[in-house]
Amino acid sequence: MPINMVFIGWLEHLTAPVINIETQSLTIDELLHSLSNLIGITGVFDNKITLASSTIILVNDCDITLLDGFQTKLMNEDTVTIIPISHGG
């Protein structure tokens, strides 16, 4: 079963607006590292301080800051939404 990734704003131009990643289990941190490799753009998701202050990351519509942050464990069928703060209106 896949983890569904949804990209909002300028991030949807880096890849398809929605992608599915087949996995058994990952944390948000591991997912972002894999994602950087998958889309071929290193550095975009690597600096967690910058990422945390410039991006909202949701797991099943819940902000990861209300969960376990970058150590939030993902399960099959979860939806991860990444929204840059400057996403347009």
C-alpha atoms as a PDB file:
ATOM      1  CA  MET A   1       0.000   0.000   0.000  1.00  0.00           C
ATOM      2  CA  PRO A   2       1.376   3.433  -0.845  1.00  0.00           C
ATOM      3  CA  ILE A   3       1.929   6.621   1.058  1.00  0.00           C
ATOM      4  CA  ASN A   4       0.273   9.409  -0.906  1.00  0.00           C
ATOM      5  CA  MET A   5       2.246  12.626  -1.297  1.00  0.00           C
ATOM      6  CA  VAL A   6       0.435  15.862  -2.153  1.00  0.00           C
ATOM      7  CA  PHE A   7       2.371  19.005  -3.093  1.00  0.00           C
ATOM      8  CA  ILE A   8       0.874  22.476  -2.934  1.00  0.00           C
ATOM      9  CA  GLY A   9       2.130  25.739  -4.473  1.00  0.00           C
ATOM     10  CA  TRP A  10       5.522  25.907  -6.152  1.00  0.00           C
ATOM     11  CA  LEU A  11       6.425  22.399  -4.947  1.00  0.00           C
ATOM     12  CA  GLU A  12       3.941  20.839  -7.353  1.00  0.00           C
ATOM     13  CA  HIS A  13       6.187  22.077 -10.184  1.00  0.00           C
ATOM     14  CA  LEU A  14       9.088  19.936  -8.923  1.00  0.00           C
ATOM     15  CA  THR A  15       7.137  16.731  -9.480  1.00  0.00           C
ATOM     16  CA  ALA A  16       3.569  15.679 -10.124  1.00  0.00           C
ATOM     17  CA  PRO A  17       1.080  17.332  -7.728  1.00  0.00           C
ATOM     18  CA  VAL A  18       0.345  13.891  -6.242  1.00  0.00           C
ATOM     19  CA  ILE A  19       2.687  10.894  -6.116  1.00  0.00           C
ATOM     20  CA  ASN A  20       2.450   7.521  -4.419  1.00  0.00           C
ATOM     21  CA  ILE A  21       5.437   6.000  -2.644  1.00  0.00           C
ATOM     22  CA  GLU A  22       5.418   2.279  -1.962  1.00  0.00           C
ATOM     23  CA  THR A  23       6.903   1.542   1.448  1.00  0.00           C
ATOM     24  CA  GLN A  24       6.503  -0.556   4.543  1.00  0.00           C
ATOM     25  CA  SER A  25       7.168   2.216   7.059  1.00  0.00           C
ATOM     26  CA  LEU A  26       9.024   5.506   7.149  1.00  0.00           C
ATOM     27  CA  THR A  27       9.306   8.577   9.309  1.00  0.00           C
ATOM     28  CA  ILE A  28       8.719  12.028   7.854  1.00  0.00           C
ATOM     29  CA  ASP A  29      12.491  12.587   8.065  1.00  0.00           C
ATOM     30  CA  GLU A  30      13.230   9.430   6.046  1.00  0.00           C
ATOM     31  CA  LEU A  31      10.485  10.242   3.561  1.00  0.00           C
ATOM     32  CA  LEU A  32      11.861  13.730   2.903  1.00  0.00           C
ATOM     33  CA  HIS A  33      15.364  12.350   2.400  1.00  0.00           C
ATOM     34  CA  SER A  34      14.036   9.745  -0.049  1.00  0.00           C
ATOM     35  CA  LEU A  35      11.934  12.384  -1.764  1.00  0.00           C
ATOM     36  CA  SER A  36      14.958  14.603  -2.387  1.00  0.00           C
ATOM     37  CA  ASN A  37      16.666  11.668  -4.095  1.00  0.00           C
ATOM     38  CA  LEU A  38      13.505  10.681  -5.982  1.00  0.00           C
ATOM     39  CA  ILE A  39      12.924  14.081  -7.577  1.00  0.00           C
ATOM     40  CA  GLY A  40      16.638  14.678  -8.077  1.00  0.00           C
ATOM     41  CA  ILE A  41      16.852  17.920  -6.135  1.00  0.00           C
ATOM     42  CA  THR A  42      19.110  17.586  -3.141  1.00  0.00           C
ATOM     43  CA  GLY A  43      18.930  20.155  -0.403  1.00  0.00           C
ATOM     44  CA  VAL A  44      15.267  21.089  -0.819  1.00  0.00           C
ATOM     45  CA  PHE A  45      14.126  19.061   2.187  1.00  0.00           C
ATOM     46  CA  ASP A  46      17.430  18.616   4.030  1.00  0.00           C
ATOM     47  CA  ASN A  47      17.595  21.620   6.376  1.00  0.00           C
ATOM     48  CA  LYS A  48      14.921  20.886   8.961  1.00  0.00           C
ATOM     49  CA  ILE A  49      15.157  24.276  10.668  1.00  0.00           C
ATOM     50  CA  THR A  50      14.483  26.096   7.392  1.00  0.00           C
ATOM     51  CA  LEU A  51      11.909  23.508   6.358  1.00  0.00           C
ATOM     52  CA  ALA A  52      10.037  23.773   9.643  1.00  0.00           C
ATOM     53  CA  SER A  53       9.838  27.565   9.422  1.00  0.00           C
ATOM     54  CA  SER A  54       8.914  27.760   5.736  1.00  0.00           C
ATOM     55  CA  THR A  55       6.704  24.716   5.204  1.00  0.00           C
ATOM     56  CA  ILE A  56       3.615  23.124   6.680  1.00  0.00           C
ATOM     57  CA  ILE A  57       3.701  19.334   6.610  1.00  0.00           C
ATOM     58  CA  LEU A  58       0.470  17.477   7.242  1.00  0.00           C
ATOM     59  CA  VAL A  59      -0.117  13.770   7.812  1.00  0.00           C
ATOM     60  CA  ASN A  60      -3.744  12.928   7.164  1.00  0.00           C
ATOM     61  CA  ASP A  61      -4.586  16.647   7.489  1.00  0.00           C
ATOM     62  CA  CYS A  62      -2.833  16.971  10.881  1.00  0.00           C
ATOM     63  CA  ASP A  63       0.232  19.217  11.255  1.00  0.00           C
ATOM     64  CA  ILE A  64       3.310  17.140  12.183  1.00  0.00           C
ATOM     65  CA  THR A  65       4.108  19.642  14.950  1.00  0.00           C
ATOM     66  CA  LEU A  66       1.048  18.216  16.730  1.00  0.00           C
ATOM     67  CA  LEU A  67       2.350  14.684  16.204  1.00  0.00           C
ATOM     68  CA  ASP A  68       6.004  13.615  16.583  1.00  0.00           C
ATOM     69  CA  GLY A  69       7.487  16.219  14.249  1.00  0.00           C
ATOM     70  CA  PHE A  70       9.997  14.842  11.748  1.00  0.00           C
ATOM     71  CA  GLN A  71       9.987  11.522  13.639  1.00  0.00           C
ATOM     72  CA  THR A  72       6.271  10.972  12.917  1.00  0.00           C
ATOM     73  CA  LYS A  73       5.882   7.403  11.694  1.00  0.00           C
ATOM     74  CA  LEU A  74       3.945   6.915   8.491  1.00  0.00           C
ATOM     75  CA  MET A  75       1.648   4.003   7.789  1.00  0.00           C
ATOM     76  CA  ASN A  76       0.331   2.599   4.532  1.00  0.00           C
ATOM     77  CA  GLU A  77      -2.425   4.700   3.018  1.00  0.00           C
ATOM     78  CA  ASP A  78      -1.319   7.852   4.906  1.00  0.00           C
ATOM     79  CA  THR A  79      -1.465  11.103   2.983  1.00  0.00           C
ATOM     80  CA  VAL A  80       1.409  13.537   3.458  1.00  0.00           C
ATOM     81  CA  THR A  81       0.734  17.077   2.256  1.00  0.00           C
ATOM     82  CA  ILE A  82       3.584  19.544   1.906  1.00  0.00           C
ATOM     83  CA  ILE A  83       2.601  23.208   1.761  1.00  0.00           C
ATOM     84  CA  PRO A  84       5.184  25.975   1.434  1.00  0.00           C
ATOM     85  CA  ILE A  85       4.282  29.048   3.481  1.00  0.00           C
ATOM     86  CA  SER A  86       4.467  31.079   0.244  1.00  0.00           C
ATOM     87  CA  HIS A  87       1.973  28.871  -1.635  1.00  0.00           C
ATOM     88  CA  GLY A  88      -0.146  31.552  -3.275  1.00  0.00           C
ATOM     89  CA  GLY A  89      -3.786  32.239  -2.819  1.00  0.00           C
END
